[in-house]
N, C-alpha and C. Protein backbone atom coordinates (compact mmCIF):
# COMPACT_ATOMS: atom_id res chain seq x y z
N UNK A 1 12.35 -17.90 -4.81
CA UNK A 1 12.16 -16.73 -5.65
C UNK A 1 10.66 -16.45 -5.84
N UNK A 2 9.86 -17.50 -5.86
CA UNK A 2 8.41 -17.30 -5.99
C UNK A 2 7.88 -16.54 -4.78
N UNK A 3 8.36 -16.90 -3.60
CA UNK A 3 7.92 -16.20 -2.39
C UNK A 3 8.34 -14.73 -2.40
N UNK A 4 9.53 -14.45 -2.88
CA UNK A 4 10.00 -13.07 -2.98
C UNK A 4 9.12 -12.29 -3.95
N UNK A 5 8.83 -12.89 -5.10
CA UNK A 5 7.97 -12.23 -6.09
C UNK A 5 6.57 -11.97 -5.56
N UNK A 6 5.96 -12.98 -4.97
CA UNK A 6 4.61 -12.83 -4.43
C UNK A 6 4.61 -11.83 -3.28
N UNK A 7 5.62 -11.90 -2.44
CA UNK A 7 5.71 -10.98 -1.32
C UNK A 7 5.88 -9.54 -1.77
N UNK A 8 6.61 -9.35 -2.86
CA UNK A 8 6.81 -8.00 -3.39
C UNK A 8 5.49 -7.40 -3.84
N UNK A 9 4.68 -8.17 -4.57
CA UNK A 9 3.40 -7.66 -5.03
C UNK A 9 2.45 -7.40 -3.87
N UNK A 10 2.46 -8.27 -2.87
CA UNK A 10 1.62 -8.08 -1.69
C UNK A 10 2.05 -6.83 -0.92
N UNK A 11 3.35 -6.67 -0.73
CA UNK A 11 3.86 -5.51 -0.01
C UNK A 11 3.57 -4.21 -0.75
N UNK A 12 3.68 -4.24 -2.08
CA UNK A 12 3.41 -3.04 -2.87
C UNK A 12 1.95 -2.64 -2.75
N UNK A 13 1.04 -3.61 -2.76
CA UNK A 13 -0.38 -3.30 -2.60
C UNK A 13 -0.67 -2.72 -1.21
N UNK A 14 -0.05 -3.30 -0.18
CA UNK A 14 -0.23 -2.79 1.18
C UNK A 14 0.34 -1.38 1.31
N UNK A 15 1.51 -1.15 0.73
CA UNK A 15 2.14 0.17 0.82
C UNK A 15 1.33 1.23 0.09
N UNK A 16 0.75 0.89 -1.05
CA UNK A 16 -0.09 1.84 -1.78
C UNK A 16 -1.29 2.23 -0.93
N UNK A 17 -1.91 1.28 -0.26
CA UNK A 17 -3.02 1.57 0.65
C UNK A 17 -2.58 2.41 1.83
N UNK A 18 -1.40 2.12 2.36
CA UNK A 18 -0.88 2.89 3.50
C UNK A 18 -0.66 4.35 3.11
N UNK A 19 -0.10 4.59 1.94
CA UNK A 19 0.15 5.96 1.49
C UNK A 19 -1.16 6.72 1.40
N UNK A 20 -2.20 6.08 0.89
CA UNK A 20 -3.51 6.73 0.80
C UNK A 20 -4.08 7.09 2.15
N UNK A 21 -3.85 6.26 3.16
CA UNK A 21 -4.35 6.56 4.51
C UNK A 21 -3.46 7.54 5.24
N UNK A 22 -2.16 7.47 5.01
CA UNK A 22 -1.21 8.30 5.76
C UNK A 22 -1.19 9.75 5.27
N UNK A 23 -1.46 9.96 4.00
CA UNK A 23 -1.43 11.33 3.46
C UNK A 23 -2.64 12.10 3.97
N UNK A 24 -2.38 13.21 4.64
CA UNK A 24 -3.48 14.02 5.16
C UNK A 24 -4.00 15.01 4.13
N UNK A 25 -3.19 15.32 3.13
CA UNK A 25 -3.62 16.17 2.03
C UNK A 25 -2.82 15.79 0.78
N UNK A 26 -3.27 16.24 -0.35
CA UNK A 26 -2.60 15.94 -1.62
C UNK A 26 -2.32 14.45 -1.79
N UNK A 27 -3.34 13.66 -1.62
CA UNK A 27 -3.18 12.20 -1.70
C UNK A 27 -2.71 11.75 -3.07
N UNK A 28 -3.15 12.43 -4.10
CA UNK A 28 -2.70 12.07 -5.45
C UNK A 28 -1.21 12.28 -5.62
N UNK A 29 -0.70 13.40 -5.10
CA UNK A 29 0.74 13.67 -5.17
C UNK A 29 1.52 12.66 -4.34
N UNK A 30 1.00 12.34 -3.16
CA UNK A 30 1.69 11.36 -2.30
C UNK A 30 1.75 10.00 -2.99
N UNK A 31 0.64 9.61 -3.61
CA UNK A 31 0.62 8.33 -4.32
C UNK A 31 1.58 8.34 -5.50
N UNK A 32 1.61 9.45 -6.23
CA UNK A 32 2.52 9.56 -7.37
C UNK A 32 3.98 9.51 -6.95
N UNK A 33 4.31 10.20 -5.86
CA UNK A 33 5.69 10.16 -5.35
C UNK A 33 6.06 8.76 -4.89
N UNK A 34 5.12 8.09 -4.24
CA UNK A 34 5.40 6.72 -3.80
C UNK A 34 5.67 5.82 -5.01
N UNK A 35 4.80 5.88 -6.01
CA UNK A 35 4.98 5.00 -7.18
C UNK A 35 6.26 5.33 -7.94
N UNK A 36 6.59 6.61 -8.07
CA UNK A 36 7.84 6.98 -8.74
C UNK A 36 9.03 6.42 -7.97
N UNK A 37 8.99 6.53 -6.64
CA UNK A 37 10.07 6.00 -5.81
C UNK A 37 10.14 4.48 -5.90
N UNK A 38 8.99 3.84 -5.95
CA UNK A 38 8.93 2.38 -6.05
C UNK A 38 9.60 1.89 -7.33
N UNK A 39 9.23 2.50 -8.45
CA UNK A 39 9.80 2.07 -9.73
C UNK A 39 11.27 2.46 -9.86
N UNK A 40 11.65 3.63 -9.37
CA UNK A 40 13.05 4.04 -9.41
C UNK A 40 13.90 3.12 -8.54
N UNK A 41 13.39 2.77 -7.36
CA UNK A 41 14.10 1.83 -6.49
C UNK A 41 14.24 0.46 -7.13
N UNK A 42 13.21 0.01 -7.83
CA UNK A 42 13.30 -1.26 -8.54
C UNK A 42 14.33 -1.23 -9.65
N UNK A 43 14.41 -0.11 -10.34
CA UNK A 43 15.40 0.04 -11.41
C UNK A 43 16.81 0.00 -10.85
N UNK A 44 17.07 0.78 -9.82
CA UNK A 44 18.39 0.84 -9.21
C UNK A 44 18.73 -0.50 -8.54
N UNK A 45 17.76 -1.06 -7.82
CA UNK A 45 18.00 -2.34 -7.14
C UNK A 45 18.34 -3.46 -8.09
N UNK A 46 17.63 -3.53 -9.21
CA UNK A 46 17.94 -4.61 -10.17
C UNK A 46 19.29 -4.39 -10.84
N UNK A 47 19.66 -3.13 -11.07
CA UNK A 47 20.97 -2.86 -11.66
C UNK A 47 22.09 -3.25 -10.68
N UNK A 48 21.92 -2.91 -9.42
CA UNK A 48 22.93 -3.24 -8.41
C UNK A 48 23.03 -4.75 -8.24
N UNK A 49 21.87 -5.42 -8.16
CA UNK A 49 21.91 -6.88 -8.01
C UNK A 49 22.51 -7.54 -9.24
N UNK A 50 22.30 -6.98 -10.42
CA UNK A 50 22.93 -7.51 -11.63
C UNK A 50 24.44 -7.41 -11.56
N UNK A 51 24.94 -6.27 -11.08
CA UNK A 51 26.39 -6.11 -10.92
C UNK A 51 26.95 -7.08 -9.88
N UNK A 52 26.23 -7.25 -8.78
CA UNK A 52 26.66 -8.20 -7.75
C UNK A 52 26.71 -9.61 -8.33
N UNK A 53 25.68 -9.98 -9.11
CA UNK A 53 25.66 -11.30 -9.72
C UNK A 53 26.83 -11.49 -10.68
N UNK A 54 27.10 -10.48 -11.51
CA UNK A 54 28.20 -10.59 -12.47
C UNK A 54 29.55 -10.75 -11.78
N UNK A 55 29.74 -10.05 -10.70
CA UNK A 55 31.05 -10.07 -10.01
C UNK A 55 31.22 -11.24 -9.06
N UNK A 56 30.14 -11.53 -8.28
CA UNK A 56 30.29 -12.47 -7.17
C UNK A 56 29.46 -13.74 -7.28
N UNK A 57 28.52 -13.78 -8.23
CA UNK A 57 27.75 -15.00 -8.44
C UNK A 57 26.39 -15.00 -7.75
N UNK A 58 25.75 -16.16 -7.91
CA UNK A 58 24.38 -16.33 -7.46
C UNK A 58 24.23 -16.20 -5.96
N UNK A 59 25.13 -16.77 -5.19
CA UNK A 59 25.01 -16.74 -3.73
C UNK A 59 25.03 -15.31 -3.20
N UNK A 60 25.92 -14.48 -3.74
CA UNK A 60 25.99 -13.08 -3.32
C UNK A 60 24.73 -12.33 -3.73
N UNK A 61 24.17 -12.67 -4.89
CA UNK A 61 22.95 -12.02 -5.35
C UNK A 61 21.79 -12.34 -4.40
N UNK A 62 21.66 -13.59 -4.00
CA UNK A 62 20.63 -13.99 -3.06
C UNK A 62 20.86 -13.30 -1.71
N UNK A 63 22.11 -13.17 -1.31
CA UNK A 63 22.44 -12.43 -0.07
C UNK A 63 22.02 -10.97 -0.18
N UNK A 64 22.22 -10.36 -1.35
CA UNK A 64 21.79 -8.98 -1.55
C UNK A 64 20.28 -8.83 -1.45
N UNK A 65 19.56 -9.80 -1.99
CA UNK A 65 18.10 -9.79 -1.88
C UNK A 65 17.69 -9.93 -0.42
N UNK A 66 18.36 -10.81 0.32
CA UNK A 66 18.05 -11.00 1.75
C UNK A 66 18.29 -9.71 2.52
N UNK A 67 19.38 -9.01 2.22
CA UNK A 67 19.67 -7.74 2.89
C UNK A 67 18.59 -6.72 2.56
N UNK A 68 18.16 -6.67 1.31
CA UNK A 68 17.10 -5.74 0.91
C UNK A 68 15.80 -6.02 1.66
N UNK A 69 15.45 -7.29 1.78
CA UNK A 69 14.23 -7.66 2.50
C UNK A 69 14.35 -7.29 3.97
N UNK A 70 15.50 -7.50 4.57
CA UNK A 70 15.71 -7.16 5.97
C UNK A 70 15.59 -5.66 6.19
N UNK A 71 16.19 -4.87 5.32
CA UNK A 71 16.09 -3.41 5.44
C UNK A 71 14.64 -2.96 5.30
N UNK A 72 13.91 -3.52 4.33
CA UNK A 72 12.51 -3.17 4.14
C UNK A 72 11.68 -3.53 5.38
N UNK A 73 11.95 -4.69 5.96
CA UNK A 73 11.22 -5.11 7.16
C UNK A 73 11.51 -4.17 8.34
N UNK A 74 12.75 -3.78 8.49
CA UNK A 74 13.10 -2.85 9.58
C UNK A 74 12.45 -1.49 9.38
N UNK A 75 12.42 -1.01 8.16
CA UNK A 75 11.76 0.27 7.88
C UNK A 75 10.25 0.18 8.11
N UNK A 76 9.66 -0.95 7.78
CA UNK A 76 8.21 -1.12 7.95
C UNK A 76 7.80 -1.08 9.42
N UNK A 77 8.69 -1.46 10.31
CA UNK A 77 8.38 -1.43 11.73
C UNK A 77 8.08 0.00 12.19
N UNK A 78 8.69 0.97 11.54
CA UNK A 78 8.55 2.36 11.97
C UNK A 78 7.43 3.12 11.27
N UNK A 79 6.68 2.47 10.38
CA UNK A 79 5.57 3.13 9.70
C UNK A 79 4.42 3.36 10.68
N UNK A 80 3.91 4.57 10.69
CA UNK A 80 2.77 4.89 11.54
C UNK A 80 1.79 5.73 10.74
N UNK A 81 0.51 5.47 10.94
CA UNK A 81 -0.52 6.27 10.30
C UNK A 81 -0.84 7.45 11.22
N UNK A 82 -0.90 8.68 10.68
CA UNK A 82 -1.24 9.81 11.55
C UNK A 82 -2.65 9.66 12.09
N UNK A 83 -2.84 10.17 13.30
CA UNK A 83 -4.16 10.10 13.92
C UNK A 83 -5.10 11.08 13.25
N UNK A 84 -6.37 10.70 13.17
CA UNK A 84 -7.39 11.59 12.63
C UNK A 84 -7.58 12.76 13.59
N UNK A 85 -7.90 13.95 13.09
CA UNK A 85 -8.06 15.11 13.97
C UNK A 85 -9.09 14.89 15.09
N UNK A 86 -10.17 14.18 14.79
CA UNK A 86 -11.19 13.94 15.84
C UNK A 86 -10.67 13.01 16.92
N UNK A 87 -9.73 12.13 16.61
CA UNK A 87 -9.17 11.22 17.61
C UNK A 87 -8.19 11.96 18.52
N UNK A 88 -7.53 12.98 18.00
CA UNK A 88 -6.58 13.75 18.81
C UNK A 88 -7.31 14.69 19.77
N UNK A 89 -8.56 15.06 19.46
CA UNK A 89 -9.31 16.00 20.30
C UNK A 89 -9.81 15.33 21.56
N UNK A 90 -9.81 14.02 21.61
CA UNK A 90 -10.34 13.30 22.79
C UNK A 90 -9.40 13.35 23.94
């Protein structure tokens, strides 16, 4: 659980930096949307995991966390930073 917690904070810091680089305009809005989504996802995720724990126990809860980490890792594979306009002109 310590690794999951530390990894979450590390990933959140990396994702915040990525949003700043990936947004070509309105970086403040992009950052705000990212943070709102981050906290909303945490709220929903913890509620769902709480229900899983109540119904199925600790093992199922850990399995749900593993599935969440796997989905996040698969989504991260597809993240790309847009090319700078000067790089596309070459």
